[in-house]
Each structure stands twice: as C-alpha cells, then as structure tokens.
Amino acid sequence: MQFIGIIKRAVPFVITLAVGLFIASFFVSLAAPSFDGLRKNRSGNWSKYREMKHENKRLRAENQRLLGELEVRSYDHGSSCKKRKPKREDAFKSDLDRMVPPPAIKEMKMMSIPAN
C-alpha cells in the first residue's frame, strides 16, 4: 500500500519533468557543452593580446616622434631673440592664442531692494 502512494507522487513528477525538458529543448540546447572551442579561443585571445601590445608600442613611439617634431616646429617659429625650448603645453598653442589679451573685467554694482 505504501508503494502505491509513492507511485502516485513520483509518476506525475516524472511526467512533468519530461514535458518541461521537451519544451525547454526548443529554446536551449540540452547537450553537454564542448570545451574544445574554449582552448582554441584562448590561443586566439593570446595572439590578439600580443598583436595589440605590439601595436601599442608602435603607436607610442610614433606619438613621441610626432611630439618631438611639433616641438621642433614651434621652436623654429619662435622669435630669434628667444632661445628657450618651448614647453610641451606651448607646442599646442597657435600664435593667435598667445597674442589674445585677457578679457577686461567690469565691476558690477549691486542694486539693493528697499525693505518694506
């Protein structure tokens, strides 16, 4: 008699589980995952990392070369009486930026409202 009680509870559970897996199989693959693709992907990621590291070194060297060239150009365009090497910030300023005077500051008078 006790065995029939267990079957009455287990059979609906097994049927519900089977129907749920059947419906889920339409949306998700129920097969075990393959780890072969991950190993291949790791080696691909490592080679991408090395390529990016090499490209960053090349870009850093090119950036330093261009900054040096810009400093030389700004030094050549300076006046002949100036013999100082321009600062890095000065290299990015044009002659127009250097010649503009600061804006005039106008004093504003406060207007008070009489109290009632």
PDB file of N, CA and C in Angstrom:
ATOM      1  N   MET A   1       0.794  -1.186   0.000  1.00  0.00           N
ATOM      2  CA  MET A   1       0.000   0.000   0.000  1.00  0.00           C
ATOM      3  C   MET A   1       0.846   1.264   0.000  1.00  0.00           C
ATOM      4  N   GLN A   2       1.936   1.223   0.730  1.00  0.00           N
ATOM      5  CA  GLN A   2       2.790   2.394   0.763  1.00  0.00           C
ATOM      6  C   GLN A   2       3.448   2.620  -0.589  1.00  0.00           C
ATOM      7  N   PHE A   3       3.694   1.550  -1.309  1.00  0.00           N
ATOM      8  CA  PHE A   3       4.325   1.637  -2.611  1.00  0.00           C
ATOM      9  C   PHE A   3       3.440   2.388  -3.606  1.00  0.00           C
ATOM     10  N   ILE A   4       2.130   2.202  -3.518  1.00  0.00           N
ATOM     11  CA  ILE A   4       1.182   2.875  -4.402  1.00  0.00           C
ATOM     12  C   ILE A   4       1.187   4.377  -4.129  1.00  0.00           C
ATOM     13  N   GLY A   5       1.349   4.813  -2.905  1.00  0.00           N
ATOM     14  CA  GLY A   5       1.424   6.234  -2.564  1.00  0.00           C
ATOM     15  C   GLY A   5       2.662   6.897  -3.191  1.00  0.00           C
ATOM     16  N   ILE A   6       3.763   6.159  -3.169  1.00  0.00           N
ATOM     17  CA  ILE A   6       4.997   6.688  -3.779  1.00  0.00           C
ATOM     18  C   ILE A   6       4.823   6.816  -5.286  1.00  0.00           C
ATOM     19  N   ILE A   7       4.216   5.829  -5.907  1.00  0.00           N
ATOM     20  CA  ILE A   7       3.995   5.879  -7.361  1.00  0.00           C
ATOM     21  C   ILE A   7       3.056   7.016  -7.710  1.00  0.00           C
ATOM     22  N   LYS A   8       2.020   7.245  -6.908  1.00  0.00           N
ATOM     23  CA  LYS A   8       1.076   8.323  -7.185  1.00  0.00           C
ATOM     24  C   LYS A   8       1.769   9.687  -7.152  1.00  0.00           C
ATOM     25  N   ARG A   9       2.807   9.835  -6.343  1.00  0.00           N
ATOM     26  CA  ARG A   9       3.523  11.105  -6.286  1.00  0.00           C
ATOM     27  C   ARG A   9       4.660  11.170  -7.298  1.00  0.00           C
ATOM     28  N   ALA A  10       5.328  10.080  -7.577  1.00  0.00           N
ATOM     29  CA  ALA A  10       6.503  10.078  -8.450  1.00  0.00           C
ATOM     30  C   ALA A  10       6.120  10.159  -9.919  1.00  0.00           C
ATOM     31  N   VAL A  11       5.076   9.482 -10.335  1.00  0.00           N
ATOM     32  CA  VAL A  11       4.700   9.460 -11.756  1.00  0.00           C
ATOM     33  C   VAL A  11       4.329  10.855 -12.257  1.00  0.00           C
ATOM     34  N   PRO A  12       3.503  11.636 -11.571  1.00  0.00           N
ATOM     35  CA  PRO A  12       3.226  12.986 -12.074  1.00  0.00           C
ATOM     36  C   PRO A  12       4.489  13.861 -12.124  1.00  0.00           C
ATOM     37  N   PHE A  13       5.394  13.670 -11.150  1.00  0.00           N
ATOM     38  CA  PHE A  13       6.644  14.434 -11.158  1.00  0.00           C
ATOM     39  C   PHE A  13       7.485  14.088 -12.383  1.00  0.00           C
ATOM     40  N   VAL A  14       7.627  12.815 -12.684  1.00  0.00           N
ATOM     41  CA  VAL A  14       8.434  12.376 -13.831  1.00  0.00           C
ATOM     42  C   VAL A  14       7.803  12.866 -15.128  1.00  0.00           C
ATOM     43  N   ILE A  15       6.503  12.786 -15.247  1.00  0.00           N
ATOM     44  CA  ILE A  15       5.824  13.247 -16.465  1.00  0.00           C
ATOM     45  C   ILE A  15       5.999  14.757 -16.627  1.00  0.00           C
ATOM     46  N   THR A  16       5.841  15.516 -15.537  1.00  0.00           N
ATOM     47  CA  THR A  16       6.007  16.972 -15.599  1.00  0.00           C
ATOM     48  C   THR A  16       7.438  17.336 -15.976  1.00  0.00           C
ATOM     49  N   LEU A  17       8.407  16.627 -15.415  1.00  0.00           N
ATOM     50  CA  LEU A  17       9.812  16.872 -15.743  1.00  0.00           C
ATOM     51  C   LEU A  17      10.086  16.586 -17.211  1.00  0.00           C
ATOM     52  N   ALA A  18       9.561  15.502 -17.738  1.00  0.00           N
ATOM     53  CA  ALA A  18       9.770  15.140 -19.139  1.00  0.00           C
ATOM     54  C   ALA A  18       9.147  16.177 -20.071  1.00  0.00           C
ATOM     55  N   VAL A  19       7.945  16.634 -19.760  1.00  0.00           N
ATOM     56  CA  VAL A  19       7.287  17.652 -20.587  1.00  0.00           C
ATOM     57  C   VAL A  19       8.073  18.969 -20.517  1.00  0.00           C
ATOM     58  N   GLY A  20       8.558  19.336 -19.329  1.00  0.00           N
ATOM     59  CA  GLY A  20       9.352  20.564 -19.185  1.00  0.00           C
ATOM     60  C   GLY A  20      10.645  20.508 -19.973  1.00  0.00           C
ATOM     61  N   LEU A  21      11.342  19.374 -19.935  1.00  0.00           N
ATOM     62  CA  LEU A  21      12.573  19.224 -20.722  1.00  0.00           C
ATOM     63  C   LEU A  21      12.288  19.255 -22.223  1.00  0.00           C
ATOM     64  N   PHE A  22      11.182  18.664 -22.620  1.00  0.00           N
ATOM     65  CA  PHE A  22      10.811  18.673 -24.035  1.00  0.00           C
ATOM     66  C   PHE A  22      10.568  20.099 -24.518  1.00  0.00           C
ATOM     67  N   ILE A  23       9.856  20.889 -23.746  1.00  0.00           N
ATOM     68  CA  ILE A  23       9.581  22.278 -24.128  1.00  0.00           C
ATOM     69  C   ILE A  23      10.860  23.108 -24.085  1.00  0.00           C
ATOM     70  N   ALA A  24      11.702  22.884 -23.079  1.00  0.00           N
ATOM     71  CA  ALA A  24      12.959  23.639 -22.968  1.00  0.00           C
ATOM     72  C   ALA A  24      13.912  23.319 -24.103  1.00  0.00           C
ATOM     73  N   SER A  25      13.827  22.114 -24.664  1.00  0.00           N
ATOM     74  CA  SER A  25      14.742  21.734 -25.746  1.00  0.00           C
ATOM     75  C   SER A  25      14.517  22.565 -27.007  1.00  0.00           C
ATOM     76  N   PHE A  26      13.360  23.196 -27.136  1.00  0.00           N
ATOM     77  CA  PHE A  26      13.131  24.072 -28.284  1.00  0.00           C
ATOM     78  C   PHE A  26      13.928  25.374 -28.157  1.00  0.00           C
ATOM     79  N   PHE A  27      14.203  25.811 -26.942  1.00  0.00           N
ATOM     80  CA  PHE A  27      14.845  27.098 -26.706  1.00  0.00           C
ATOM     81  C   PHE A  27      16.318  26.988 -26.328  1.00  0.00           C
ATOM     82  N   VAL A  28      16.704  25.906 -25.679  1.00  0.00           N
ATOM     83  CA  VAL A  28      18.068  25.741 -25.182  1.00  0.00           C
ATOM     84  C   VAL A  28      18.566  24.365 -25.565  1.00  0.00           C
ATOM     85  N   SER A  29      19.847  24.299 -25.955  1.00  0.00           N
ATOM     86  CA  SER A  29      20.428  23.000 -26.255  1.00  0.00           C
ATOM     87  C   SER A  29      20.657  22.244 -24.953  1.00  0.00           C
ATOM     88  N   LEU A  30      20.185  21.032 -24.886  1.00  0.00           N
ATOM     89  CA  LEU A  30      20.338  20.233 -23.681  1.00  0.00           C
ATOM     90  C   LEU A  30      21.574  19.349 -23.733  1.00  0.00           C
ATOM     91  N   ALA A  31      22.357  19.450 -24.798  1.00  0.00           N
ATOM     92  CA  ALA A  31      23.563  18.638 -24.930  1.00  0.00           C
ATOM     93  C   ALA A  31      24.649  19.180 -24.005  1.00  0.00           C
ATOM     94  N   ALA A  32      25.597  18.327 -23.647  1.00  0.00           N
ATOM     95  CA  ALA A  32      26.714  18.734 -22.792  1.00  0.00           C
ATOM     96  C   ALA A  32      27.599  19.710 -23.575  1.00  0.00           C
ATOM     97  N   PRO A  33      28.137  20.733 -22.929  1.00  0.00           N
ATOM     98  CA  PRO A  33      28.961  21.716 -23.637  1.00  0.00           C
ATOM     99  C   PRO A  33      30.296  21.123 -24.077  1.00  0.00           C
ATOM    100  N   SER A  34      30.789  21.620 -25.189  1.00  0.00           N
ATOM    101  CA  SER A  34      32.079  21.189 -25.714  1.00  0.00           C
ATOM    102  C   SER A  34      33.123  22.222 -25.314  1.00  0.00           C
ATOM    103  N   PHE A  35      34.211  21.780 -24.701  1.00  0.00           N
ATOM    104  CA  PHE A  35      35.252  22.693 -24.232  1.00  0.00           C
ATOM    105  C   PHE A  35      36.406  22.827 -25.223  1.00  0.00           C
ATOM    106  N   ASP A  36      36.311  22.188 -26.379  1.00  0.00           N
ATOM    107  CA  ASP A  36      37.383  22.304 -27.369  1.00  0.00           C
ATOM    108  C   ASP A  36      37.474  23.715 -27.925  1.00  0.00           C
ATOM    109  N   GLY A  37      36.344  24.364 -28.119  1.00  0.00           N
ATOM    110  CA  GLY A  37      36.327  25.718 -28.655  1.00  0.00           C
ATOM    111  C   GLY A  37      36.969  26.720 -27.714  1.00  0.00           C
ATOM    112  N   LEU A  38      36.868  26.477 -26.408  1.00  0.00           N
ATOM    113  CA  LEU A  38      37.458  27.395 -25.446  1.00  0.00           C
ATOM    114  C   LEU A  38      38.978  27.375 -25.513  1.00  0.00           C
ATOM    115  N   ARG A  39      39.553  26.207 -25.713  1.00  0.00           N
ATOM    116  CA  ARG A  39      41.021  26.115 -25.810  1.00  0.00           C
ATOM    117  C   ARG A  39      41.516  26.833 -27.052  1.00  0.00           C
ATOM    118  N   LYS A  40      40.824  26.664 -28.148  1.00  0.00           N
ATOM    119  CA  LYS A  40      41.219  27.359 -29.381  1.00  0.00           C
ATOM    120  C   LYS A  40      41.047  28.861 -29.220  1.00  0.00           C
ATOM    121  N   ASN A  41      39.974  29.270 -28.547  1.00  0.00           N
ATOM    122  CA  ASN A  41      39.694  30.686 -28.350  1.00  0.00           C
ATOM    123  C   ASN A  41      40.758  31.329 -27.456  1.00  0.00           C
ATOM    124  N   ARG A  42      41.267  30.600 -26.467  1.00  0.00           N
ATOM    125  CA  ARG A  42      42.305  31.147 -25.594  1.00  0.00           C
ATOM    126  C   ARG A  42      43.566  31.459 -26.374  1.00  0.00           C
ATOM    127  N   SER A  43      43.966  30.556 -27.257  1.00  0.00           N
ATOM    128  CA  SER A  43      45.181  30.814 -28.038  1.00  0.00           C
ATOM    129  C   SER A  43      44.950  31.988 -28.986  1.00  0.00           C
ATOM    130  N   GLY A  44      43.730  32.116 -29.501  1.00  0.00           N
ATOM    131  CA  GLY A  44      43.409  33.252 -30.352  1.00  0.00           C
ATOM    132  C   GLY A  44      43.448  34.549 -29.575  1.00  0.00           C
ATOM    133  N   ASN A  45      42.944  34.526 -28.335  1.00  0.00           N
ATOM    134  CA  ASN A  45      42.976  35.720 -27.490  1.00  0.00           C
ATOM    135  C   ASN A  45      44.410  36.098 -27.157  1.00  0.00           C
ATOM    136  N   TRP A  46      45.270  35.118 -26.912  1.00  0.00           N
ATOM    137  CA  TRP A  46      46.660  35.400 -26.582  1.00  0.00           C
ATOM    138  C   TRP A  46      47.371  36.052 -27.767  1.00  0.00           C
ATOM    139  N   SER A  47      47.105  35.569 -28.972  1.00  0.00           N
ATOM    140  CA  SER A  47      47.744  36.178 -30.141  1.00  0.00           C
ATOM    141  C   SER A  47      47.204  37.589 -30.375  1.00  0.00           C
ATOM    142  N   LYS A  48      45.906  37.804 -30.133  1.00  0.00           N
ATOM    143  CA  LYS A  48      45.349  39.158 -30.249  1.00  0.00           C
ATOM    144  C   LYS A  48      45.994  40.089 -29.230  1.00  0.00           C
ATOM    145  N   TYR A  49      46.224  39.579 -28.020  1.00  0.00           N
ATOM    146  CA  TYR A  49      46.863  40.378 -26.974  1.00  0.00           C
ATOM    147  C   TYR A  49      48.274  40.785 -27.400  1.00  0.00           C
ATOM    148  N   ARG A  50      49.031  39.843 -27.953  1.00  0.00           N
ATOM    149  CA  ARG A  50      50.395  40.170 -28.399  1.00  0.00           C
ATOM    150  C   ARG A  50      50.373  41.182 -29.534  1.00  0.00           C
ATOM    151  N   GLU A  51      49.438  41.027 -30.472  1.00  0.00           N
ATOM    152  CA  GLU A  51      49.335  41.990 -31.581  1.00  0.00           C
ATOM    153  C   GLU A  51      48.999  43.383 -31.060  1.00  0.00           C
ATOM    154  N   MET A  52      48.056  43.476 -30.125  1.00  0.00           N
ATOM    155  CA  MET A  52      47.683  44.785 -29.583  1.00  0.00           C
ATOM    156  C   MET A  52      48.839  45.403 -28.799  1.00  0.00           C
ATOM    157  N   LYS A  53      49.599  44.582 -28.077  1.00  0.00           N
ATOM    158  CA  LYS A  53      50.741  45.083 -27.325  1.00  0.00           C
ATOM    159  C   LYS A  53      51.790  45.645 -28.283  1.00  0.00           C
ATOM    160  N   HIS A  54      52.038  44.938 -29.364  1.00  0.00           N
ATOM    161  CA  HIS A  54      52.996  45.404 -30.368  1.00  0.00           C
ATOM    162  C   HIS A  54      52.504  46.702 -31.022  1.00  0.00           C
ATOM    163  N   GLU A  55      51.223  46.761 -31.342  1.00  0.00           N
ATOM    164  CA  GLU A  55      50.669  47.963 -31.962  1.00  0.00           C
ATOM    165  C   GLU A  55      50.727  49.151 -30.998  1.00  0.00           C
ATOM    166  N   ASN A  56      50.474  48.919 -29.711  1.00  0.00           N
ATOM    167  CA  ASN A  56      50.571  49.998 -28.730  1.00  0.00           C
ATOM    168  C   ASN A  56      51.991  50.537 -28.629  1.00  0.00           C
ATOM    169  N   LYS A  57      52.979  49.650 -28.683  1.00  0.00           N
ATOM    170  CA  LYS A  57      54.381  50.104 -28.663  1.00  0.00           C
ATOM    171  C   LYS A  57      54.674  50.971 -29.878  1.00  0.00           C
ATOM    172  N   ARG A  58      54.205  50.524 -31.035  1.00  0.00           N
ATOM    173  CA  ARG A  58      54.450  51.265 -32.270  1.00  0.00           C
ATOM    174  C   ARG A  58      53.766  52.632 -32.219  1.00  0.00           C
ATOM    175  N   LEU A  59      52.541  52.672 -31.743  1.00  0.00           N
ATOM    176  CA  LEU A  59      51.806  53.940 -31.649  1.00  0.00           C
ATOM    177  C   LEU A  59      52.442  54.885 -30.627  1.00  0.00           C
ATOM    178  N   ARG A  60      52.946  54.324 -29.523  1.00  0.00           N
ATOM    179  CA  ARG A  60      53.601  55.154 -28.519  1.00  0.00           C
ATOM    180  C   ARG A  60      54.867  55.791 -29.099  1.00  0.00           C
ATOM    181  N   ALA A  61      55.646  55.000 -29.861  1.00  0.00           N
ATOM    182  CA  ALA A  61      56.859  55.528 -30.488  1.00  0.00           C
ATOM    183  C   ALA A  61      56.504  56.602 -31.518  1.00  0.00           C
ATOM    184  N   GLU A  62      55.458  56.357 -32.300  1.00  0.00           N
ATOM    185  CA  GLU A  62      55.042  57.347 -33.295  1.00  0.00           C
ATOM    186  C   GLU A  62      54.551  58.625 -32.616  1.00  0.00           C
ATOM    187  N   ASN A  63      53.842  58.486 -31.506  1.00  0.00           N
ATOM    188  CA  ASN A  63      53.361  59.646 -30.768  1.00  0.00           C
ATOM    189  C   ASN A  63      54.540  60.472 -30.248  1.00  0.00           C
ATOM    190  N   GLN A  64      55.559  59.817 -29.694  1.00  0.00           N
ATOM    191  CA  GLN A  64      56.741  60.530 -29.213  1.00  0.00           C
ATOM    192  C   GLN A  64      57.454  61.238 -30.356  1.00  0.00           C
ATOM    193  N   ARG A  65      57.538  60.583 -31.517  1.00  0.00           N
ATOM    194  CA  ARG A  65      58.194  61.191 -32.675  1.00  0.00           C
ATOM    195  C   ARG A  65      57.437  62.435 -33.126  1.00  0.00           C
ATOM    196  N   LEU A  66      56.109  62.352 -33.175  1.00  0.00           N
ATOM    197  CA  LEU A  66      55.304  63.491 -33.602  1.00  0.00           C
ATOM    198  C   LEU A  66      55.369  64.640 -32.600  1.00  0.00           C
ATOM    199  N   LEU A  67      55.393  64.330 -31.296  1.00  0.00           N
ATOM    200  CA  LEU A  67      55.525  65.384 -30.291  1.00  0.00           C
ATOM    201  C   LEU A  67      56.869  66.086 -30.427  1.00  0.00           C
ATOM    202  N   GLY A  68      57.927  65.312 -30.660  1.00  0.00           N
ATOM    203  CA  GLY A  68      59.242  65.920 -30.866  1.00  0.00           C
ATOM    204  C   GLY A  68      59.253  66.801 -32.098  1.00  0.00           C
ATOM    205  N   GLU A  69      58.636  66.336 -33.170  1.00  0.00           N
ATOM    206  CA  GLU A  69      58.561  67.126 -34.406  1.00  0.00           C
ATOM    207  C   GLU A  69      57.771  68.410 -34.172  1.00  0.00           C
ATOM    208  N   LEU A  70      56.690  68.333 -33.406  1.00  0.00           N
ATOM    209  CA  LEU A  70      55.880  69.509 -33.106  1.00  0.00           C
ATOM    210  C   LEU A  70      56.667  70.509 -32.266  1.00  0.00           C
ATOM    211  N   GLU A  71      57.443  70.024 -31.307  1.00  0.00           N
ATOM    212  CA  GLU A  71      58.265  70.921 -30.500  1.00  0.00           C
ATOM    213  C   GLU A  71      59.316  71.614 -31.350  1.00  0.00           C
ATOM    214  N   VAL A  72      59.909  70.888 -32.293  1.00  0.00           N
ATOM    215  CA  VAL A  72      60.917  71.490 -33.169  1.00  0.00           C
ATOM    216  C   VAL A  72      60.276  72.560 -34.038  1.00  0.00           C
ATOM    217  N   ARG A  73      59.107  72.285 -34.564  1.00  0.00           N
ATOM    218  CA  ARG A  73      58.426  73.276 -35.411  1.00  0.00           C
ATOM    219  C   ARG A  73      58.060  74.524 -34.621  1.00  0.00           C
ATOM    220  N   SER A  74      57.547  74.354 -33.412  1.00  0.00           N
ATOM    221  CA  SER A  74      57.178  75.519 -32.618  1.00  0.00           C
ATOM    222  C   SER A  74      58.430  76.277 -32.194  1.00  0.00           C
ATOM    223  N   TYR A  75      59.543  75.590 -32.000  1.00  0.00           N
ATOM    224  CA  TYR A  75      60.799  76.251 -31.650  1.00  0.00           C
ATOM    225  C   TYR A  75      61.311  77.056 -32.847  1.00  0.00           C
ATOM    226  N   ASP A  76      61.167  76.527 -34.053  1.00  0.00           N
ATOM    227  CA  ASP A  76      61.611  77.225 -35.264  1.00  0.00           C
ATOM    228  C   ASP A  76      60.768  78.462 -35.539  1.00  0.00           C
ATOM    229  N   HIS A  77      59.490  78.448 -35.187  1.00  0.00           N
ATOM    230  CA  HIS A  77      58.609  79.581 -35.466  1.00  0.00           C
ATOM    231  C   HIS A  77      58.720  80.683 -34.420  1.00  0.00           C
ATOM    232  N   GLY A  78      59.425  80.422 -33.327  1.00  0.00           N
ATOM    233  CA  GLY A  78      59.576  81.426 -32.280  1.00  0.00           C
ATOM    234  C   GLY A  78      60.483  82.552 -32.761  1.00  0.00           C
ATOM    235  N   SER A  79      60.530  83.638 -32.006  1.00  0.00           N
ATOM    236  CA  SER A  79      61.364  84.776 -32.407  1.00  0.00           C
ATOM    237  C   SER A  79      62.833  84.415 -32.246  1.00  0.00           C
ATOM    238  N   SER A  80      63.693  85.131 -32.970  1.00  0.00           N
ATOM    239  CA  SER A  80      65.108  84.805 -32.966  1.00  0.00           C
ATOM    240  C   SER A  80      65.779  85.197 -31.658  1.00  0.00           C
ATOM    241  N   CYS A  81      65.179  86.143 -30.907  1.00  0.00           N
ATOM    242  CA  CYS A  81      65.784  86.538 -29.645  1.00  0.00           C
ATOM    243  C   CYS A  81      65.489  85.527 -28.538  1.00  0.00           C
ATOM    244  N   LYS A  82      64.455  84.740 -28.720  1.00  0.00           N
ATOM    245  CA  LYS A  82      64.142  83.716 -27.733  1.00  0.00           C
ATOM    246  C   LYS A  82      64.968  82.473 -28.046  1.00  0.00           C
ATOM    247  N   LYS A  83      65.683  82.008 -27.076  1.00  0.00           N
ATOM    248  CA  LYS A  83      66.478  80.801 -27.286  1.00  0.00           C
ATOM    249  C   LYS A  83      66.056  79.684 -26.340  1.00  0.00           C
ATOM    250  N   ARG A  84      64.911  79.877 -25.667  1.00  0.00           N
ATOM    251  CA  ARG A  84      64.451  78.834 -24.759  1.00  0.00           C
ATOM    252  C   ARG A  84      63.672  77.776 -25.532  1.00  0.00           C
ATOM    253  N   LYS A  85      63.716  76.567 -25.041  1.00  0.00           N
ATOM    254  CA  LYS A  85      62.942  75.489 -25.642  1.00  0.00           C
ATOM    255  C   LYS A  85      61.507  75.603 -25.139  1.00  0.00           C
ATOM    256  N   PRO A  86      60.516  75.573 -26.039  1.00  0.00           N
ATOM    257  CA  PRO A  86      59.127  75.739 -25.588  1.00  0.00           C
ATOM    258  C   PRO A  86      58.679  74.549 -24.747  1.00  0.00           C
ATOM    259  N   LYS A  87      57.774  74.835 -23.836  1.00  0.00           N
ATOM    260  CA  LYS A  87      57.203  73.774 -23.029  1.00  0.00           C
ATOM    261  C   LYS A  87      56.259  72.949 -23.878  1.00  0.00           C
ATOM    262  N   ARG A  88      55.915  71.793 -23.376  1.00  0.00           N
ATOM    263  CA  ARG A  88      55.037  70.895 -24.120  1.00  0.00           C
ATOM    264  C   ARG A  88      53.660  71.513 -24.325  1.00  0.00           C
ATOM    265  N   GLU A  89      53.162  72.257 -23.333  1.00  0.00           N
ATOM    266  CA  GLU A  89      51.841  72.881 -23.457  1.00  0.00           C
ATOM    267  C   GLU A  89      51.875  73.975 -24.525  1.00  0.00           C
ATOM    268  N   ASP A  90      53.020  74.693 -24.631  1.00  0.00           N
ATOM    269  CA  ASP A  90      53.137  75.767 -25.616  1.00  0.00           C
ATOM    270  C   ASP A  90      53.132  75.233 -27.037  1.00  0.00           C
ATOM    271  N   ALA A  91      53.518  73.984 -27.218  1.00  0.00           N
ATOM    272  CA  ALA A  91      53.602  73.417 -28.562  1.00  0.00           C
ATOM    273  C   ALA A  91      52.227  73.319 -29.204  1.00  0.00           C
ATOM    274  N   PHE A  92      51.171  73.221 -28.394  1.00  0.00           N
ATOM    275  CA  PHE A  92      49.837  73.062 -28.940  1.00  0.00           C
ATOM    276  C   PHE A  92      49.117  74.398 -29.123  1.00  0.00           C
ATOM    277  N   LYS A  93      49.714  75.498 -28.675  1.00  0.00           N
ATOM    278  CA  LYS A  93      49.083  76.807 -28.822  1.00  0.00           C
ATOM    279  C   LYS A  93      49.519  77.437 -30.139  1.00  0.00           C
ATOM    280  N   SER A  94      48.605  78.057 -30.813  1.00  0.00           N
ATOM    281  CA  SER A  94      48.963  78.772 -32.036  1.00  0.00           C
ATOM    282  C   SER A  94      49.386  80.188 -31.665  1.00  0.00           C
ATOM    283  N   ASP A  95      49.915  80.941 -32.641  1.00  0.00           N
ATOM    284  CA  ASP A  95      50.337  82.315 -32.388  1.00  0.00           C
ATOM    285  C   ASP A  95      49.145  83.185 -32.009  1.00  0.00           C
ATOM    286  N   LEU A  96      47.979  82.898 -32.552  1.00  0.00           N
ATOM    287  CA  LEU A  96      46.793  83.690 -32.227  1.00  0.00           C
ATOM    288  C   LEU A  96      46.406  83.520 -30.766  1.00  0.00           C
ATOM    289  N   ASP A  97      46.547  82.317 -30.236  1.00  0.00           N
ATOM    290  CA  ASP A  97      46.216  82.081 -28.835  1.00  0.00           C
ATOM    291  C   ASP A  97      47.168  82.833 -27.916  1.00  0.00           C
ATOM    292  N   ARG A  98      48.392  82.973 -28.308  1.00  0.00           N
ATOM    293  CA  ARG A  98      49.376  83.650 -27.472  1.00  0.00           C
ATOM    294  C   ARG A  98      49.186  85.165 -27.481  1.00  0.00           C
ATOM    295  N   MET A  99      48.620  85.714 -28.567  1.00  0.00           N
ATOM    296  CA  MET A  99      48.536  87.156 -28.731  1.00  0.00           C
ATOM    297  C   MET A  99      47.232  87.752 -28.194  1.00  0.00           C
ATOM    298  N   VAL A 100      46.269  86.951 -27.845  1.00  0.00           N
ATOM    299  CA  VAL A 100      44.986  87.465 -27.387  1.00  0.00           C
ATOM    300  C   VAL A 100      45.120  87.936 -25.945  1.00  0.00           C
ATOM    301  N   PRO A 101      44.760  89.211 -25.664  1.00  0.00           N
ATOM    302  CA  PRO A 101      44.857  89.691 -24.283  1.00  0.00           C
ATOM    303  C   PRO A 101      43.717  89.117 -23.438  1.00  0.00           C
ATOM    304  N   PRO A 102      43.886  89.104 -22.136  1.00  0.00           N
ATOM    305  CA  PRO A 102      42.805  88.591 -21.281  1.00  0.00           C
ATOM    306  C   PRO A 102      41.619  89.547 -21.333  1.00  0.00           C
ATOM    307  N   PRO A 103      40.426  89.054 -21.091  1.00  0.00           N
ATOM    308  CA  PRO A 103      39.241  89.912 -21.155  1.00  0.00           C
ATOM    309  C   PRO A 103      39.242  90.929 -20.016  1.00  0.00           C
ATOM    310  N   ALA A 104      38.682  92.105 -20.310  1.00  0.00           N
ATOM    311  CA  ALA A 104      38.592  93.157 -19.293  1.00  0.00           C
ATOM    312  C   ALA A 104      37.493  92.787 -18.305  1.00  0.00           C
ATOM    313  N   ILE A 105      37.786  92.963 -17.042  1.00  0.00           N
ATOM    314  CA  ILE A 105      36.813  92.632 -16.007  1.00  0.00           C
ATOM    315  C   ILE A 105      36.086  93.914 -15.624  1.00  0.00           C
ATOM    316  N   LYS A 106      34.806  93.898 -15.747  1.00  0.00           N
ATOM    317  CA  LYS A 106      33.978  95.044 -15.444  1.00  0.00           C
ATOM    318  C   LYS A 106      33.416  94.892 -14.042  1.00  0.00           C
ATOM    319  N   GLU A 107      33.485  95.968 -13.261  1.00  0.00           N
ATOM    320  CA  GLU A 107      32.954  95.895 -11.918  1.00  0.00           C
ATOM    321  C   GLU A 107      31.454  96.090 -11.967  1.00  0.00           C
ATOM    322  N   MET A 108      30.728  95.208 -11.320  1.00  0.00           N
ATOM    323  CA  MET A 108      29.277  95.304 -11.317  1.00  0.00           C
ATOM    324  C   MET A 108      28.822  95.853  -9.960  1.00  0.00           C
ATOM    325  N   LYS A 109      27.895  96.780 -10.012  1.00  0.00           N
ATOM    326  CA  LYS A 109      27.376  97.374  -8.797  1.00  0.00           C
ATOM    327  C   LYS A 109      26.129  96.601  -8.371  1.00  0.00           C
ATOM    328  N   MET A 110      26.029  96.395  -7.091  1.00  0.00           N
ATOM    329  CA  MET A 110      24.882  95.679  -6.551  1.00  0.00           C
ATOM    330  C   MET A 110      23.725  96.644  -6.354  1.00  0.00           C
ATOM    331  N   MET A 111      22.567  96.218  -6.725  1.00  0.00           N
ATOM    332  CA  MET A 111      21.365  97.041  -6.524  1.00  0.00           C
ATOM    333  C   MET A 111      20.599  96.408  -5.373  1.00  0.00           C
ATOM    334  N   SER A 112      20.263  97.243  -4.414  1.00  0.00           N
ATOM    335  CA  SER A 112      19.523  96.710  -3.282  1.00  0.00           C
ATOM    336  C   SER A 112      18.046  97.074  -3.421  1.00  0.00           C
ATOM    337  N   ILE A 113      17.209  96.213  -2.952  1.00  0.00           N
ATOM    338  CA  ILE A 113      15.764  96.453  -2.977  1.00  0.00           C
ATOM    339  C   ILE A 113      15.364  96.928  -1.579  1.00  0.00           C
ATOM    340  N   PRO A 114      14.673  98.053  -1.500  1.00  0.00           N
ATOM    341  CA  PRO A 114      14.321  98.565  -0.160  1.00  0.00           C
ATOM    342  C   PRO A 114      13.360  97.610   0.562  1.00  0.00           C
ATOM    343  N   ALA A 115      13.583  97.484   1.825  1.00  0.00           N
ATOM    344  CA  ALA A 115      12.747  96.586   2.638  1.00  0.00           C
ATOM    345  C   ALA A 115      11.431  97.273   2.955  1.00  0.00           C
ATOM    346  N   ASN A 116      10.361  96.546   3.051  1.00  0.00           N
ATOM    347  CA  ASN A 116       9.041  97.111   3.356  1.00  0.00           C
ATOM    348  C   ASN A 116       8.872  97.435   4.792  1.00  0.00           C
TER     349      ASN A 116
END
